[in-house]
Amino acid sequence: MRRLLLVGLAAGACACGGPRQAVLVDNDLRRFPRLSDSAAQRQAQEALRAVQEKVDRGELPQIRFEFDKDAILPESYPTLDQIALILRSDDRLKLFIRAHADAVGTDAYNLDLSERRAKSVKTYLAKRGVPPPTMFFKGFGESAPIADNETDAGRAKNRRVEFRVTTRDWNSVY
């Protein structure tokens, strides 16, 4: 396993002057430029989109919970593990976890349930090595449906967890 080291190059150490971008160096002293914040964010968003496409194709399981609870079903772990891998790839990445519910039950109950489910996802990802301060979670209850709540299929689509990634400071985002 190769370990990457961050090497900062001081501008004064080079006769050509000017600011230098930090580079990553592996054990064989090969250099890899560190991605800019926006490039790292874009790369992570693409990786999350690829995970979602695998879920949509049935190659990865949807994130599911026990009925009327915030306990994540074990069948969801491979998908969450892929998300944890993405987040561990760059220490600048921050994740916003958004959980939603269907319209069965009261507004207050669904808001609380979605909040607890979002927190469960954060806890799982933290156990997989994602630093807790890099994650923010929020439950939206039944306030943002993507399908008709009058059908079983529609309600199933509305019970979901969404992810947004950023490299920006939390205070500048929310």
Protein backbone atom coordinates (compact mmCIF):
# COMPACT_ATOMS: atom_id res chain seq x y z
CA MET A 1 0.00 0.00 0.00
CA ARG A 2 1.42 3.31 -1.00
CA ARG A 3 1.29 6.17 1.41
CA LEU A 4 1.04 9.69 0.09
CA LEU A 5 2.80 12.56 1.81
CA LEU A 6 1.95 16.21 1.41
CA VAL A 7 5.02 18.18 0.54
CA GLY A 8 4.86 21.96 0.61
CA LEU A 9 7.28 23.72 -1.67
CA ALA A 10 8.40 27.12 -0.48
CA ALA A 11 8.56 29.83 -3.14
CA GLY A 12 11.97 30.97 -1.92
CA ALA A 13 13.47 27.49 -2.40
CA CYS A 14 13.22 27.82 -6.16
CA ALA A 15 15.09 30.29 -8.31
CA CYS A 16 12.03 30.72 -10.53
CA GLY A 17 10.06 32.30 -7.66
CA GLY A 18 6.29 32.67 -7.45
CA PRO A 19 3.86 30.60 -5.41
CA ARG A 20 4.03 26.86 -5.73
CA GLN A 21 1.13 24.45 -5.56
CA ALA A 22 1.42 21.70 -2.95
CA VAL A 23 2.03 18.29 -4.45
CA LEU A 24 1.46 14.76 -3.25
CA VAL A 25 4.44 12.42 -3.29
CA ASP A 26 4.11 8.66 -2.93
CA ASN A 27 6.73 6.23 -1.58
CA ASP A 28 8.42 6.02 -4.99
CA LEU A 29 8.75 9.81 -5.04
CA ARG A 30 6.31 10.20 -7.92
CA ARG A 31 4.57 13.57 -7.85
CA PHE A 32 0.85 14.13 -8.10
CA PRO A 33 -0.57 17.66 -7.98
CA ARG A 34 -3.12 18.20 -5.23
CA LEU A 35 -6.49 19.07 -6.72
CA SER A 36 -7.89 22.53 -6.14
CA ASP A 37 -10.86 22.76 -3.79
CA SER A 38 -13.29 23.13 -6.68
CA ALA A 39 -11.72 20.22 -8.59
CA ALA A 40 -11.83 18.02 -5.47
CA GLN A 41 -15.47 18.94 -4.93
CA ARG A 42 -16.31 18.25 -8.59
CA GLN A 43 -14.51 14.89 -8.47
CA ALA A 44 -16.37 13.88 -5.30
CA GLN A 45 -19.72 14.96 -6.78
CA GLU A 46 -19.02 12.83 -9.85
CA ALA A 47 -18.13 9.88 -7.64
CA LEU A 48 -21.35 10.30 -5.62
CA ARG A 49 -23.31 10.51 -8.88
CA ALA A 50 -21.67 7.25 -10.01
CA VAL A 51 -22.74 5.58 -6.74
CA GLN A 52 -26.31 6.82 -7.29
CA GLU A 53 -26.27 5.45 -10.85
CA LYS A 54 -25.17 2.05 -9.50
CA VAL A 55 -28.05 2.17 -7.01
CA ASP A 56 -30.46 3.10 -9.81
CA ARG A 57 -29.21 0.14 -11.92
CA GLY A 58 -29.49 -2.23 -8.96
CA GLU A 59 -25.73 -2.79 -8.70
CA LEU A 60 -25.70 -1.29 -5.20
CA PRO A 61 -28.55 -1.40 -2.68
CA GLN A 62 -30.63 1.59 -1.70
CA ILE A 63 -30.12 2.97 1.78
CA ARG A 64 -32.92 1.44 3.83
CA PHE A 65 -34.00 1.47 7.44
CA GLU A 66 -36.02 -0.79 9.68
CA PHE A 67 -39.72 0.03 9.48
CA ASP A 68 -40.59 3.10 11.54
CA LYS A 69 -37.06 3.22 13.02
CA ASP A 70 -33.70 4.84 12.42
CA ALA A 71 -31.75 1.56 12.33
CA ILE A 72 -29.96 1.13 8.99
CA LEU A 73 -30.56 -2.25 7.36
CA PRO A 74 -27.32 -4.20 6.76
CA GLU A 75 -28.15 -4.50 3.04
CA SER A 76 -27.40 -0.74 2.84
CA TYR A 77 -23.82 -1.06 4.07
CA PRO A 78 -22.10 -1.55 0.67
CA THR A 79 -23.56 1.72 -0.60
CA LEU A 80 -22.62 3.61 2.55
CA ASP A 81 -19.14 2.07 2.45
CA GLN A 82 -18.66 3.45 -1.08
CA ILE A 83 -19.69 6.90 0.15
CA ALA A 84 -17.26 6.67 3.07
CA LEU A 85 -14.47 5.74 0.66
CA ILE A 86 -15.17 8.84 -1.41
CA LEU A 87 -15.13 11.09 1.64
CA ARG A 88 -11.91 9.62 3.03
CA SER A 89 -10.16 10.33 -0.30
CA ASP A 90 -9.68 14.03 0.49
CA ASP A 91 -9.66 15.62 3.93
CA ARG A 92 -11.19 18.84 2.56
CA LEU A 93 -14.48 17.15 1.64
CA LYS A 94 -17.56 17.87 3.71
CA LEU A 95 -20.85 16.03 3.42
CA PHE A 96 -24.41 17.25 3.90
CA ILE A 97 -26.72 14.29 4.63
CA ARG A 98 -30.39 14.97 3.82
CA ALA A 99 -33.00 12.42 4.89
CA HIS A 100 -36.62 12.45 3.71
CA ALA A 101 -39.80 10.60 4.67
CA ASP A 102 -43.09 9.76 3.00
CA ALA A 103 -46.39 11.33 4.07
CA VAL A 104 -47.63 8.47 6.26
CA GLY A 105 -47.90 9.83 9.80
CA THR A 106 -47.88 13.37 11.14
CA ASP A 107 -45.60 16.10 9.85
CA ALA A 108 -43.86 16.32 13.23
CA TYR A 109 -43.33 12.56 13.46
CA ASN A 110 -41.90 12.32 9.94
CA LEU A 111 -39.60 15.26 10.56
CA ASP A 112 -38.26 13.61 13.72
CA LEU A 113 -37.89 10.22 11.99
CA SER A 114 -35.99 11.69 9.05
CA GLU A 115 -33.72 13.63 11.41
CA ARG A 116 -32.91 10.46 13.36
CA ARG A 117 -32.25 8.54 10.13
CA ALA A 118 -29.90 11.24 8.85
CA LYS A 119 -28.06 11.08 12.17
CA SER A 120 -27.80 7.28 11.87
CA VAL A 121 -26.16 7.67 8.46
CA LYS A 122 -23.66 10.15 9.92
CA THR A 123 -22.89 7.75 12.78
CA TYR A 124 -22.34 4.86 10.35
CA LEU A 125 -20.02 6.91 8.14
CA ALA A 126 -18.08 8.07 11.21
CA LYS A 127 -17.56 4.42 12.20
CA ARG A 128 -16.14 3.91 8.69
CA GLY A 129 -13.49 6.58 9.23
CA VAL A 130 -15.17 9.78 8.05
CA PRO A 131 -14.40 12.53 10.59
CA PRO A 132 -17.69 13.62 12.25
CA PRO A 133 -16.91 17.37 12.00
CA THR A 134 -16.90 17.01 8.20
CA MET A 135 -20.53 15.88 8.15
CA PHE A 136 -23.73 17.84 8.67
CA PHE A 137 -27.15 16.17 8.70
CA LYS A 138 -30.73 17.33 8.48
CA GLY A 139 -34.10 15.65 8.30
CA PHE A 140 -36.71 17.13 5.98
CA GLY A 141 -39.63 14.91 6.88
CA GLU A 142 -42.25 14.83 4.14
CA SER A 143 -41.60 18.42 3.00
CA ALA A 144 -39.79 17.62 -0.27
CA PRO A 145 -41.47 14.70 -2.04
CA ILE A 146 -40.14 13.57 -5.41
CA ALA A 147 -43.08 11.28 -6.16
CA ASP A 148 -46.79 10.87 -5.41
CA ASN A 149 -47.46 9.94 -1.78
CA GLU A 150 -50.76 8.30 -2.79
CA THR A 151 -49.07 5.12 -4.09
CA ASP A 152 -46.76 2.58 -2.47
CA ALA A 153 -44.18 3.13 -5.23
CA GLY A 154 -44.31 6.89 -4.77
CA ARG A 155 -43.98 6.66 -1.00
CA ALA A 156 -40.98 4.33 -1.42
CA LYS A 157 -39.25 6.93 -3.62
CA ASN A 158 -39.93 9.66 -1.08
CA ARG A 159 -38.25 7.67 1.71
CA ARG A 160 -34.67 8.49 0.76
CA VAL A 161 -31.29 9.81 1.84
CA GLU A 162 -29.49 12.35 -0.34
CA PHE A 163 -25.92 13.55 -0.18
CA ARG A 164 -24.33 16.88 -1.10
CA VAL A 165 -20.58 17.40 -0.99
CA THR A 166 -18.59 20.60 -0.64
CA THR A 167 -15.10 21.77 0.23
CA ARG A 168 -16.33 25.09 1.59
CA ASP A 169 -16.36 26.04 5.26
CA TRP A 170 -19.67 25.14 6.94
CA ASN A 171 -20.19 28.73 8.06
CA SER A 172 -20.10 29.94 4.47
CA VAL A 173 -22.53 27.22 3.35
CA TYR A 174 -25.27 27.20 6.01
